[in-house]
Protein backbone atom coordinates (compact mmCIF):
# COMPACT_ATOMS: atom_id res chain seq x y z
CA UNK A 1 0.00 0.00 0.00
CA UNK A 2 1.23 3.56 0.38
CA UNK A 3 0.76 6.74 -1.55
CA UNK A 4 2.99 8.47 -4.08
CA UNK A 5 4.01 12.07 -3.42
CA UNK A 6 6.23 14.79 -4.84
CA UNK A 7 8.90 15.80 -2.36
CA UNK A 8 7.99 19.49 -2.43
CA UNK A 9 4.55 18.65 -0.99
CA UNK A 10 6.11 18.25 2.47
CA UNK A 11 7.33 21.84 2.66
CA UNK A 12 4.32 22.76 4.80
CA UNK A 13 4.77 19.76 7.09
CA UNK A 14 8.13 21.16 8.19
CA UNK A 15 6.75 24.69 8.54
CA UNK A 16 9.17 26.09 5.96
CA UNK A 17 8.53 29.49 4.46
CA UNK A 18 11.19 29.07 1.77
CA UNK A 19 10.45 29.07 -1.92
CA UNK A 20 10.46 25.77 -3.81
CA UNK A 21 13.69 26.80 -5.57
CA UNK A 22 15.43 27.60 -2.31
CA UNK A 23 14.22 24.32 -0.81
CA UNK A 24 15.62 22.42 -3.80
CA UNK A 25 19.03 24.11 -3.57
CA UNK A 26 19.44 24.05 0.18
CA UNK A 27 18.04 20.65 1.10
CA UNK A 28 17.03 18.32 -1.72
CA UNK A 29 19.92 18.46 -4.21
CA UNK A 30 22.48 18.39 -1.38
CA UNK A 31 21.07 15.06 -0.17
CA UNK A 32 19.86 16.34 3.20
CA UNK A 33 16.32 14.94 2.77
CA UNK A 34 15.94 11.28 3.72
CA UNK A 35 13.06 8.84 3.88
CA UNK A 36 13.91 6.05 6.36
CA UNK A 37 17.63 6.70 5.80
CA UNK A 38 17.44 6.72 1.98
CA UNK A 39 18.48 10.04 0.42
CA UNK A 40 15.93 11.71 -1.85
CA UNK A 41 17.77 13.95 -4.33
CA UNK A 42 15.31 14.42 -7.20
CA UNK A 43 12.73 17.09 -6.28
CA UNK A 44 10.41 16.18 -9.17
CA UNK A 45 10.43 12.41 -8.69
CA UNK A 46 7.45 10.67 -7.13
CA UNK A 47 8.23 8.65 -4.03
CA UNK A 48 6.16 6.16 -2.13
CA UNK A 49 5.38 6.96 1.48
CA UNK A 50 3.74 4.66 3.97
CA UNK A 51 2.54 5.14 7.53
CA UNK A 52 5.30 4.81 10.10
CA UNK A 53 8.12 6.00 7.84
CA UNK A 54 10.32 8.89 8.96
CA UNK A 55 10.94 11.82 6.61
CA UNK A 56 14.04 13.70 7.77
CA UNK A 57 14.93 17.18 6.54
CA UNK A 58 17.97 17.66 8.78
CA UNK A 59 19.31 16.34 12.07
CA UNK A 60 16.84 18.47 13.99
CA UNK A 61 13.79 18.32 11.71
CA UNK A 62 11.95 15.07 11.06
CA UNK A 63 8.37 13.85 10.89
CA UNK A 64 6.81 10.41 11.21
CA UNK A 65 4.18 9.74 8.57
CA UNK A 66 0.78 8.56 9.74
PDB file of N, CA and C in Angstrom:
ATOM      1  N   UNK A   1       0.852  -1.156   0.000  1.00  0.00           N
ATOM      2  CA  UNK A   1       0.000   0.000   0.000  1.00  0.00           C
ATOM      3  C   UNK A   1       0.904   1.226   0.000  1.00  0.00           C
ATOM      4  N   UNK A   2       0.438   2.343   0.381  1.00  0.00           N
ATOM      5  CA  UNK A   2       1.232   3.558   0.376  1.00  0.00           C
ATOM      6  C   UNK A   2       0.754   4.498  -0.712  1.00  0.00           C
ATOM      7  N   UNK A   3       1.170   5.704  -0.627  1.00  0.00           N
ATOM      8  CA  UNK A   3       0.759   6.743  -1.550  1.00  0.00           C
ATOM      9  C   UNK A   3       1.984   7.385  -2.157  1.00  0.00           C
ATOM     10  N   UNK A   4       1.880   7.809  -3.411  1.00  0.00           N
ATOM     11  CA  UNK A   4       2.985   8.466  -4.081  1.00  0.00           C
ATOM     12  C   UNK A   4       2.856   9.978  -3.932  1.00  0.00           C
ATOM     13  N   UNK A   5       3.976  10.630  -3.639  1.00  0.00           N
ATOM     14  CA  UNK A   5       4.009  12.067  -3.424  1.00  0.00           C
ATOM     15  C   UNK A   5       5.174  12.693  -4.176  1.00  0.00           C
ATOM     16  N   UNK A   6       5.093  13.980  -4.410  1.00  0.00           N
ATOM     17  CA  UNK A   6       6.229  14.788  -4.839  1.00  0.00           C
ATOM     18  C   UNK A   6       6.881  15.313  -3.573  1.00  0.00           C
ATOM     19  N   UNK A   7       8.174  15.406  -3.559  1.00  0.00           N
ATOM     20  CA  UNK A   7       8.902  15.804  -2.361  1.00  0.00           C
ATOM     21  C   UNK A   7       8.549  17.209  -1.897  1.00  0.00           C
ATOM     22  N   UNK A   8       8.274  18.113  -2.812  1.00  0.00           N
ATOM     23  CA  UNK A   8       7.990  19.494  -2.428  1.00  0.00           C
ATOM     24  C   UNK A   8       6.663  19.646  -1.686  1.00  0.00           C
ATOM     25  N   UNK A   9       5.829  18.613  -1.695  1.00  0.00           N
ATOM     26  CA  UNK A   9       4.549  18.649  -0.987  1.00  0.00           C
ATOM     27  C   UNK A   9       4.762  18.782   0.522  1.00  0.00           C
ATOM     28  N   UNK A  10       5.874  18.280   1.023  1.00  0.00           N
ATOM     29  CA  UNK A  10       6.107  18.247   2.466  1.00  0.00           C
ATOM     30  C   UNK A  10       6.695  19.535   3.021  1.00  0.00           C
ATOM     31  N   UNK A  11       6.809  20.561   2.193  1.00  0.00           N
ATOM     32  CA  UNK A  11       7.328  21.844   2.658  1.00  0.00           C
ATOM     33  C   UNK A  11       6.496  22.370   3.825  1.00  0.00           C
ATOM     34  N   UNK A  12       5.200  22.274   3.739  1.00  0.00           N
ATOM     35  CA  UNK A  12       4.316  22.761   4.799  1.00  0.00           C
ATOM     36  C   UNK A  12       4.414  21.918   6.072  1.00  0.00           C
ATOM     37  N   UNK A  13       4.671  20.633   5.920  1.00  0.00           N
ATOM     38  CA  UNK A  13       4.767  19.763   7.091  1.00  0.00           C
ATOM     39  C   UNK A  13       5.928  20.167   7.997  1.00  0.00           C
ATOM     40  N   UNK A  14       6.985  20.708   7.407  1.00  0.00           N
ATOM     41  CA  UNK A  14       8.131  21.157   8.190  1.00  0.00           C
ATOM     42  C   UNK A  14       8.010  22.621   8.602  1.00  0.00           C
ATOM     43  N   UNK A  15       6.953  23.293   8.171  1.00  0.00           N
ATOM     44  CA  UNK A  15       6.751  24.689   8.536  1.00  0.00           C
ATOM     45  C   UNK A  15       7.737  25.625   7.866  1.00  0.00           C
ATOM     46  N   UNK A  16       8.186  25.271   6.668  1.00  0.00           N
ATOM     47  CA  UNK A  16       9.169  26.089   5.959  1.00  0.00           C
ATOM     48  C   UNK A  16       8.484  27.191   5.168  1.00  0.00           C
ATOM     49  N   UNK A  17       9.063  28.363   5.224  1.00  0.00           N
ATOM     50  CA  UNK A  17       8.530  29.491   4.457  1.00  0.00           C
ATOM     51  C   UNK A  17       9.443  29.817   3.286  1.00  0.00           C
ATOM     52  N   UNK A  18      10.263  28.875   2.887  1.00  0.00           N
ATOM     53  CA  UNK A  18      11.188  29.072   1.775  1.00  0.00           C
ATOM     54  C   UNK A  18      10.479  28.787   0.462  1.00  0.00           C
ATOM     55  N   UNK A  19      11.010  29.348  -0.604  1.00  0.00           N
ATOM     56  CA  UNK A  19      10.448  29.070  -1.922  1.00  0.00           C
ATOM     57  C   UNK A  19      10.844  27.653  -2.342  1.00  0.00           C
ATOM     58  N   UNK A  20      10.141  27.108  -3.331  1.00  0.00           N
ATOM     59  CA  UNK A  20      10.464  25.769  -3.809  1.00  0.00           C
ATOM     60  C   UNK A  20      11.891  25.709  -4.342  1.00  0.00           C
ATOM     61  N   UNK A  21      12.331  26.772  -5.031  1.00  0.00           N
ATOM     62  CA  UNK A  21      13.689  26.800  -5.572  1.00  0.00           C
ATOM     63  C   UNK A  21      14.735  26.788  -4.472  1.00  0.00           C
ATOM     64  N   UNK A  22      14.495  27.557  -3.428  1.00  0.00           N
ATOM     65  CA  UNK A  22      15.433  27.600  -2.306  1.00  0.00           C
ATOM     66  C   UNK A  22      15.453  26.258  -1.579  1.00  0.00           C
ATOM     67  N   UNK A  23      14.301  25.635  -1.444  1.00  0.00           N
ATOM     68  CA  UNK A  23      14.216  24.322  -0.811  1.00  0.00           C
ATOM     69  C   UNK A  23      15.002  23.285  -1.607  1.00  0.00           C
ATOM     70  N   UNK A  24      14.868  23.329  -2.933  1.00  0.00           N
ATOM     71  CA  UNK A  24      15.622  22.416  -3.796  1.00  0.00           C
ATOM     72  C   UNK A  24      17.128  22.593  -3.593  1.00  0.00           C
ATOM     73  N   UNK A  25      17.590  23.838  -3.665  1.00  0.00           N
ATOM     74  CA  UNK A  25      19.027  24.111  -3.571  1.00  0.00           C
ATOM     75  C   UNK A  25      19.599  23.779  -2.199  1.00  0.00           C
ATOM     76  N   UNK A  26      18.903  24.171  -1.160  1.00  0.00           N
ATOM     77  CA  UNK A  26      19.442  24.050   0.183  1.00  0.00           C
ATOM     78  C   UNK A  26      19.327  22.644   0.757  1.00  0.00           C
ATOM     79  N   UNK A  27      18.264  21.933   0.446  1.00  0.00           N
ATOM     80  CA  UNK A  27      18.039  20.652   1.099  1.00  0.00           C
ATOM     81  C   UNK A  27      18.039  19.456   0.147  1.00  0.00           C
ATOM     82  N   UNK A  28      17.265  19.519  -0.913  1.00  0.00           N
ATOM     83  CA  UNK A  28      17.028  18.323  -1.721  1.00  0.00           C
ATOM     84  C   UNK A  28      18.249  17.923  -2.538  1.00  0.00           C
ATOM     85  N   UNK A  29      18.792  18.841  -3.337  1.00  0.00           N
ATOM     86  CA  UNK A  29      19.916  18.464  -4.207  1.00  0.00           C
ATOM     87  C   UNK A  29      21.208  18.217  -3.433  1.00  0.00           C
ATOM     88  N   UNK A  30      21.296  18.669  -2.191  1.00  0.00           N
ATOM     89  CA  UNK A  30      22.476  18.391  -1.376  1.00  0.00           C
ATOM     90  C   UNK A  30      22.392  17.036  -0.682  1.00  0.00           C
ATOM     91  N   UNK A  31      21.233  16.386  -0.764  1.00  0.00           N
ATOM     92  CA  UNK A  31      21.074  15.062  -0.169  1.00  0.00           C
ATOM     93  C   UNK A  31      20.694  15.087   1.293  1.00  0.00           C
ATOM     94  N   UNK A  32      20.215  16.231   1.786  1.00  0.00           N
ATOM     95  CA  UNK A  32      19.857  16.339   3.198  1.00  0.00           C
ATOM     96  C   UNK A  32      18.527  15.664   3.514  1.00  0.00           C
ATOM     97  N   UNK A  33      17.641  15.526   2.535  1.00  0.00           N
ATOM     98  CA  UNK A  33      16.322  14.943   2.772  1.00  0.00           C
ATOM     99  C   UNK A  33      16.410  13.419   2.673  1.00  0.00           C
ATOM    100  N   UNK A  34      15.890  12.740   3.693  1.00  0.00           N
ATOM    101  CA  UNK A  34      15.939  11.281   3.724  1.00  0.00           C
ATOM    102  C   UNK A  34      14.582  10.718   4.106  1.00  0.00           C
ATOM    103  N   UNK A  35      14.257   9.589   3.515  1.00  0.00           N
ATOM    104  CA  UNK A  35      13.057   8.836   3.883  1.00  0.00           C
ATOM    105  C   UNK A  35      13.527   7.492   4.396  1.00  0.00           C
ATOM    106  N   UNK A  36      13.405   7.264   5.698  1.00  0.00           N
ATOM    107  CA  UNK A  36      13.911   6.052   6.358  1.00  0.00           C
ATOM    108  C   UNK A  36      15.375   5.789   6.018  1.00  0.00           C
ATOM    109  N   UNK A  37      16.193   6.845   6.026  1.00  0.00           N
ATOM    110  CA  UNK A  37      17.627   6.701   5.795  1.00  0.00           C
ATOM    111  C   UNK A  37      18.054   6.733   4.344  1.00  0.00           C
ATOM    112  N   UNK A  38      17.120   6.686   3.406  1.00  0.00           N
ATOM    113  CA  UNK A  38      17.443   6.722   1.975  1.00  0.00           C
ATOM    114  C   UNK A  38      17.352   8.163   1.480  1.00  0.00           C
ATOM    115  N   UNK A  39      18.446   8.662   0.890  1.00  0.00           N
ATOM    116  CA  UNK A  39      18.475  10.044   0.424  1.00  0.00           C
ATOM    117  C   UNK A  39      17.554  10.241  -0.765  1.00  0.00           C
ATOM    118  N   UNK A  40      16.810  11.331  -0.756  1.00  0.00           N
ATOM    119  CA  UNK A  40      15.928  11.714  -1.853  1.00  0.00           C
ATOM    120  C   UNK A  40      16.544  12.958  -2.484  1.00  0.00           C
ATOM    121  N   UNK A  41      17.055  12.824  -3.725  1.00  0.00           N
ATOM    122  CA  UNK A  41      17.774  13.947  -4.325  1.00  0.00           C
ATOM    123  C   UNK A  41      17.108  14.515  -5.569  1.00  0.00           C
ATOM    124  N   UNK A  42      16.025  13.910  -6.025  1.00  0.00           N
ATOM    125  CA  UNK A  42      15.313  14.417  -7.203  1.00  0.00           C
ATOM    126  C   UNK A  42      14.009  15.069  -6.747  1.00  0.00           C
ATOM    127  N   UNK A  43      13.922  16.408  -6.799  1.00  0.00           N
ATOM    128  CA  UNK A  43      12.730  17.086  -6.279  1.00  0.00           C
ATOM    129  C   UNK A  43      11.464  16.833  -7.093  1.00  0.00           C
ATOM    130  N   UNK A  44      11.586  16.401  -8.328  1.00  0.00           N
ATOM    131  CA  UNK A  44      10.412  16.185  -9.168  1.00  0.00           C
ATOM    132  C   UNK A  44       9.976  14.722  -9.233  1.00  0.00           C
ATOM    133  N   UNK A  45      10.766  13.840  -8.661  1.00  0.00           N
ATOM    134  CA  UNK A  45      10.430  12.413  -8.695  1.00  0.00           C
ATOM    135  C   UNK A  45       9.312  12.110  -7.711  1.00  0.00           C
ATOM    136  N   UNK A  46       8.475  11.160  -8.059  1.00  0.00           N
ATOM    137  CA  UNK A  46       7.455  10.672  -7.134  1.00  0.00           C
ATOM    138  C   UNK A  46       8.123   9.671  -6.202  1.00  0.00           C
ATOM    139  N   UNK A  47       7.731   9.668  -4.943  1.00  0.00           N
ATOM    140  CA  UNK A  47       8.225   8.652  -4.034  1.00  0.00           C
ATOM    141  C   UNK A  47       7.065   8.094  -3.256  1.00  0.00           C
ATOM    142  N   UNK A  48       7.231   6.865  -2.832  1.00  0.00           N
ATOM    143  CA  UNK A  48       6.161   6.163  -2.128  1.00  0.00           C
ATOM    144  C   UNK A  48       6.355   6.315  -0.631  1.00  0.00           C
ATOM    145  N   UNK A  49       5.326   6.773   0.035  1.00  0.00           N
ATOM    146  CA  UNK A  49       5.383   6.960   1.482  1.00  0.00           C
ATOM    147  C   UNK A  49       4.304   6.122   2.147  1.00  0.00           C
ATOM    148  N   UNK A  50       4.681   5.476   3.225  1.00  0.00           N
ATOM    149  CA  UNK A  50       3.743   4.656   3.973  1.00  0.00           C
ATOM    150  C   UNK A  50       3.725   5.105   5.433  1.00  0.00           C
ATOM    151  N   UNK A  51       2.662   4.782   6.112  1.00  0.00           N
ATOM    152  CA  UNK A  51       2.542   5.143   7.529  1.00  0.00           C
ATOM    153  C   UNK A  51       3.684   4.520   8.318  1.00  0.00           C
ATOM    154  N   UNK A  52       4.224   5.300   9.253  1.00  0.00           N
ATOM    155  CA  UNK A  52       5.301   4.810  10.098  1.00  0.00           C
ATOM    156  C   UNK A  52       6.693   5.177   9.608  1.00  0.00           C
ATOM    157  N   UNK A  53       6.814   5.612   8.357  1.00  0.00           N
ATOM    158  CA  UNK A  53       8.122   5.997   7.842  1.00  0.00           C
ATOM    159  C   UNK A  53       8.508   7.369   8.395  1.00  0.00           C
ATOM    160  N   UNK A  54       9.810   7.626   8.451  1.00  0.00           N
ATOM    161  CA  UNK A  54      10.316   8.890   8.956  1.00  0.00           C
ATOM    162  C   UNK A  54      10.909   9.689   7.798  1.00  0.00           C
ATOM    163  N   UNK A  55      10.414  10.902   7.607  1.00  0.00           N
ATOM    164  CA  UNK A  55      10.941  11.820   6.609  1.00  0.00           C
ATOM    165  C   UNK A  55      11.788  12.831   7.364  1.00  0.00           C
ATOM    166  N   UNK A  56      13.095  12.854   7.045  1.00  0.00           N
ATOM    167  CA  UNK A  56      14.041  13.702   7.765  1.00  0.00           C
ATOM    168  C   UNK A  56      14.551  14.793   6.841  1.00  0.00           C
ATOM    169  N   UNK A  57      14.451  16.037   7.298  1.00  0.00           N
ATOM    170  CA  UNK A  57      14.935  17.175   6.545  1.00  0.00           C
ATOM    171  C   UNK A  57      16.348  17.550   6.986  1.00  0.00           C
ATOM    172  N   UNK A  58      16.638  17.390   8.232  1.00  0.00           N
ATOM    173  CA  UNK A  58      17.967  17.661   8.784  1.00  0.00           C
ATOM    174  C   UNK A  58      18.075  16.882  10.089  1.00  0.00           C
ATOM    175  N   UNK A  59      19.165  17.056  10.802  1.00  0.00           N
ATOM    176  CA  UNK A  59      19.312  16.344  12.074  1.00  0.00           C
ATOM    177  C   UNK A  59      18.246  16.734  13.078  1.00  0.00           C
ATOM    178  N   UNK A  60      17.791  17.973  12.998  1.00  0.00           N
ATOM    179  CA  UNK A  60      16.838  18.469  13.988  1.00  0.00           C
ATOM    180  C   UNK A  60      15.388  18.455  13.517  1.00  0.00           C
ATOM    181  N   UNK A  61      15.155  18.272  12.237  1.00  0.00           N
ATOM    182  CA  UNK A  61      13.791  18.316  11.708  1.00  0.00           C
ATOM    183  C   UNK A  61      13.429  16.997  11.055  1.00  0.00           C
ATOM    184  N   UNK A  62      12.452  16.308  11.647  1.00  0.00           N
ATOM    185  CA  UNK A  62      11.952  15.069  11.056  1.00  0.00           C
ATOM    186  C   UNK A  62      10.481  14.903  11.438  1.00  0.00           C
ATOM    187  N   UNK A  63       9.770  14.154  10.607  1.00  0.00           N
ATOM    188  CA  UNK A  63       8.369  13.848  10.891  1.00  0.00           C
ATOM    189  C   UNK A  63       8.122  12.375  10.641  1.00  0.00           C
ATOM    190  N   UNK A  64       7.228  11.799  11.418  1.00  0.00           N
ATOM    191  CA  UNK A  64       6.810  10.413  11.207  1.00  0.00           C
ATOM    192  C   UNK A  64       5.472  10.460  10.477  1.00  0.00           C
ATOM    193  N   UNK A  65       5.391   9.752   9.379  1.00  0.00           N
ATOM    194  CA  UNK A  65       4.175   9.744   8.566  1.00  0.00           C
ATOM    195  C   UNK A  65       3.114   8.877   9.213  1.00  0.00           C
ATOM    196  N   UNK A  66       1.882   9.337   9.170  1.00  0.00           N
ATOM    197  CA  UNK A  66       0.776   8.564   9.737  1.00  0.00           C
ATOM    198  C   UNK A  66      -0.244   8.260   8.679  1.00  0.00           C
TER     199      UNK A  66
END
